[in-house]
Amino acid sequence: MDTSVLIKTFVAVFVLADALGNTPIVLVLTKGMEPEQRNSVVDRASVVATVVLLVFAFAGQPILDYLDISIGSLQVAGGLLLLLIALRMLQGDLGTPVVVEQERDVAITPLALPLLAGPGTLTTVMLLMSESPHAHLSVVAGILGAMSVSWFIVRQATRIDSWIGTEGAAIATQLLGFLLAALAVEVGSTGIRALFLSS
């Protein structure tokens, strides 16, 4: 078990899942539901998001090989995508409520996809798995750990919203956005070095 890979994966997935920032959106999406119903929605969303991340993590490398995309190129693209998401978090654009059709299961969309497992998260787990060919178990453990913590936080949506309020959620999103921006620069710079500075 590679501890550094595990921690890196945990931090990246947890930040991108943005459980604290998504708490107000969860409350909007589940408005009018009983606590048991809301918990059931959160449970299903977390399971779906986790399974999608794990499938994408393991299927990512074959997809890259088929499309003849190098790890360096993916790192640069992934870094740019993460940076765009981080900038949106810092500007507060991710807090916009999502309009959902009544007939649709909100556990699948938009809660699981794209809120908990969005394009940035999918790209990140694929990158981490590709970068760590001998530490797949650490990546999987990081994904499971981050999604478990995110599940616990989102399950406490009502309590957290009453504790930290709208302003607290906004501050948490800003802090996580700053951390994500730093991670995006790290991922992108690694890709640039691999593409242009490797001997």
Protein backbone atom coordinates (compact mmCIF):
# COMPACT_ATOMS: atom_id res chain seq x y z
CA MET A 1 0.00 0.00 0.00
CA ASP A 2 1.50 3.32 -1.13
CA THR A 3 0.45 5.87 1.52
CA SER A 4 1.32 8.93 -0.59
CA VAL A 5 -0.83 7.70 -3.51
CA LEU A 6 -3.66 6.85 -1.11
CA ILE A 7 -3.58 10.32 0.48
CA LYS A 8 -3.31 12.05 -2.92
CA THR A 9 -6.29 10.08 -4.24
CA PHE A 10 -8.33 10.67 -1.09
CA VAL A 11 -7.72 14.44 -1.13
CA ALA A 12 -8.41 14.78 -4.88
CA VAL A 13 -11.65 12.77 -4.87
CA PHE A 14 -12.91 14.32 -1.63
CA VAL A 15 -12.25 17.87 -2.83
CA LEU A 16 -13.88 17.22 -6.20
CA ALA A 17 -16.92 15.52 -4.64
CA ASP A 18 -17.32 18.76 -2.62
CA ALA A 19 -19.74 17.21 -0.13
CA LEU A 20 -19.94 20.35 2.02
CA GLY A 21 -20.50 22.64 -0.95
CA ASN A 22 -23.14 20.30 -2.38
CA THR A 23 -25.10 20.08 0.89
CA PRO A 24 -27.48 22.97 0.04
CA ILE A 25 -28.08 21.45 -3.41
CA VAL A 26 -28.89 18.07 -1.82
CA LEU A 27 -31.48 19.77 0.38
CA VAL A 28 -33.04 21.47 -2.66
CA LEU A 29 -33.13 18.23 -4.66
CA THR A 30 -34.72 16.28 -1.78
CA LYS A 31 -37.07 19.01 -0.59
CA GLY A 32 -40.30 17.58 0.80
CA MET A 33 -38.84 14.14 1.39
CA GLU A 34 -38.91 12.37 4.74
CA PRO A 35 -35.49 11.83 6.39
CA GLU A 36 -35.60 8.12 5.47
CA GLN A 37 -36.31 8.95 1.83
CA ARG A 38 -33.52 11.55 1.74
CA ASN A 39 -31.07 9.04 3.25
CA SER A 40 -32.11 6.43 0.68
CA VAL A 41 -31.44 8.91 -2.14
CA VAL A 42 -28.02 9.79 -0.71
CA ASP A 43 -27.15 6.10 -0.26
CA ARG A 44 -28.03 5.25 -3.86
CA ALA A 45 -26.20 8.31 -5.19
CA SER A 46 -23.04 7.47 -3.25
CA VAL A 47 -23.03 3.84 -4.40
CA VAL A 48 -23.59 4.82 -8.05
CA ALA A 49 -20.89 7.52 -7.93
CA THR A 50 -18.38 5.15 -6.29
CA VAL A 51 -19.02 2.35 -8.80
CA VAL A 52 -18.69 4.77 -11.73
CA LEU A 53 -15.38 6.09 -10.36
CA LEU A 54 -13.98 2.58 -9.86
CA VAL A 55 -15.06 1.43 -13.33
CA PHE A 56 -13.57 4.54 -14.90
CA ALA A 57 -10.35 4.13 -12.90
CA PHE A 58 -9.79 0.60 -14.21
CA ALA A 59 -11.14 1.15 -17.74
CA GLY A 60 -9.25 4.41 -18.21
CA GLN A 61 -5.89 2.97 -19.29
CA PRO A 62 -7.35 0.70 -22.02
CA ILE A 63 -9.27 3.71 -23.34
CA LEU A 64 -6.06 5.77 -23.42
CA ASP A 65 -4.20 2.96 -25.20
CA TYR A 66 -6.98 2.58 -27.77
CA LEU A 67 -7.02 6.32 -28.50
CA ASP A 68 -3.20 6.52 -28.39
CA ILE A 69 -3.25 9.29 -25.76
CA SER A 70 -0.15 9.72 -23.61
CA ILE A 71 -0.23 10.16 -19.85
CA GLY A 72 1.42 13.56 -20.28
CA SER A 73 -1.36 14.79 -22.56
CA LEU A 74 -4.00 13.50 -20.16
CA GLN A 75 -2.24 15.21 -17.25
CA VAL A 76 -2.19 18.57 -19.04
CA ALA A 77 -5.85 18.24 -20.09
CA GLY A 78 -6.85 16.98 -16.63
CA GLY A 79 -4.95 19.82 -14.95
CA LEU A 80 -6.74 22.41 -17.10
CA LEU A 81 -10.13 20.82 -16.39
CA LEU A 82 -9.45 20.72 -12.65
CA LEU A 83 -8.28 24.34 -12.75
CA LEU A 84 -11.50 25.42 -14.48
CA ILE A 85 -13.56 23.61 -11.84
CA ALA A 86 -11.45 25.17 -9.07
CA LEU A 87 -11.98 28.64 -10.53
CA ARG A 88 -15.73 28.05 -10.64
CA MET A 89 -15.61 26.93 -7.00
CA LEU A 90 -13.64 30.06 -6.04
CA GLN A 91 -16.13 32.27 -7.90
CA GLY A 92 -19.10 30.51 -6.32
CA ASP A 93 -20.59 29.37 -9.63
CA LEU A 94 -21.09 25.77 -8.48
CA GLY A 95 -23.70 26.71 -5.92
CA THR A 96 -26.38 27.34 -8.54
CA PRO A 97 -29.38 25.09 -7.84
CA VAL A 98 -30.06 22.45 -10.46
CA VAL A 99 -33.51 22.26 -12.01
CA VAL A 100 -34.67 18.66 -12.03
CA GLU A 101 -37.69 17.01 -13.57
CA GLN A 102 -40.00 15.55 -10.94
CA GLU A 103 -40.14 12.20 -12.66
CA ARG A 104 -36.38 11.68 -12.66
CA ASP A 105 -34.47 9.88 -9.90
CA VAL A 106 -32.31 12.63 -8.42
CA ALA A 107 -30.03 10.00 -6.87
CA ILE A 108 -28.61 9.18 -10.32
CA THR A 109 -28.68 12.62 -11.93
CA PRO A 110 -27.70 15.14 -10.85
CA LEU A 111 -26.60 13.91 -7.40
CA ALA A 112 -24.37 10.97 -8.36
CA LEU A 113 -23.54 12.32 -11.82
CA PRO A 114 -22.24 14.98 -12.12
CA LEU A 115 -22.24 16.38 -8.55
CA LEU A 116 -20.40 13.59 -6.71
CA ALA A 117 -18.65 12.06 -9.72
CA GLY A 118 -18.19 14.73 -12.35
CA PRO A 119 -15.82 14.94 -15.33
CA GLY A 120 -13.01 16.29 -13.16
CA THR A 121 -13.27 13.40 -10.70
CA LEU A 122 -13.44 10.80 -13.48
CA THR A 123 -10.37 12.30 -15.18
CA THR A 124 -8.49 12.44 -11.88
CA VAL A 125 -9.04 8.79 -10.90
CA MET A 126 -8.03 7.71 -14.39
CA LEU A 127 -4.88 9.83 -14.14
CA LEU A 128 -4.00 8.53 -10.69
CA MET A 129 -4.49 4.93 -11.77
CA SER A 130 -2.33 5.47 -14.87
CA GLU A 131 0.40 7.23 -12.87
CA SER A 132 0.49 4.47 -10.26
CA PRO A 133 0.64 1.12 -12.08
CA HIS A 134 1.93 -0.65 -8.96
CA ALA A 135 -0.36 1.09 -6.48
CA HIS A 136 -3.83 0.31 -7.78
CA LEU A 137 -4.92 -0.85 -4.33
CA SER A 138 -3.93 2.52 -2.87
CA VAL A 139 -5.97 4.38 -5.51
CA VAL A 140 -8.99 2.16 -4.86
CA ALA A 141 -8.63 2.64 -1.09
CA GLY A 142 -8.38 6.42 -1.59
CA ILE A 143 -11.53 6.46 -3.75
CA LEU A 144 -13.47 4.32 -1.26
CA GLY A 145 -12.27 6.39 1.70
CA ALA A 146 -13.11 9.74 0.08
CA MET A 147 -16.53 8.60 -1.09
CA SER A 148 -17.32 7.12 2.34
CA VAL A 149 -16.51 10.42 4.06
CA SER A 150 -18.46 12.32 1.37
CA TRP A 151 -21.43 9.95 1.88
CA PHE A 152 -21.36 10.57 5.63
CA ILE A 153 -21.23 14.35 5.16
CA VAL A 154 -24.02 14.45 2.57
CA ARG A 155 -26.15 12.18 4.79
CA GLN A 156 -25.91 14.84 7.48
CA ALA A 157 -27.11 17.52 5.03
CA THR A 158 -29.87 18.89 7.27
CA ARG A 159 -27.62 19.14 10.34
CA ILE A 160 -24.66 20.57 8.45
CA ASP A 161 -26.83 23.18 6.76
CA SER A 162 -28.19 24.31 10.12
CA TRP A 163 -24.67 24.34 11.65
CA ILE A 164 -22.67 26.15 8.99
CA GLY A 165 -25.44 27.90 7.05
CA THR A 166 -25.20 29.18 3.49
CA GLU A 167 -22.17 31.35 4.22
CA GLY A 168 -20.32 28.46 5.88
CA ALA A 169 -20.94 26.22 2.86
CA ALA A 170 -19.68 29.00 0.58
CA ILE A 171 -16.51 29.40 2.66
CA ALA A 172 -15.90 25.63 2.63
CA THR A 173 -16.30 25.56 -1.15
CA GLN A 174 -13.84 28.46 -1.50
CA LEU A 175 -11.22 26.70 0.64
CA LEU A 176 -11.67 23.42 -1.25
CA GLY A 177 -11.47 25.34 -4.54
CA PHE A 178 -8.13 26.83 -3.53
CA LEU A 179 -6.80 23.37 -2.64
CA LEU A 180 -8.10 21.98 -5.94
CA ALA A 181 -6.41 24.81 -7.88
CA ALA A 182 -3.05 23.88 -6.31
CA LEU A 183 -3.64 20.22 -7.20
CA ALA A 184 -4.56 21.21 -10.78
CA VAL A 185 -1.30 23.15 -11.19
CA GLU A 186 0.66 20.16 -9.86
CA VAL A 187 -1.05 17.71 -12.23
CA GLY A 188 -0.69 20.04 -15.24
CA SER A 189 2.95 20.87 -14.58
CA THR A 190 3.79 17.18 -14.27
CA GLY A 191 2.21 16.61 -17.69
CA ILE A 192 4.11 19.53 -19.24
CA ARG A 193 7.40 18.17 -17.90
CA ALA A 194 6.55 14.72 -19.27
CA LEU A 195 5.68 16.10 -22.72
CA PHE A 196 8.37 18.73 -23.25
CA LEU A 197 11.18 18.27 -20.74
CA SER A 198 11.67 14.51 -20.61
CA SER A 199 14.86 13.30 -22.22
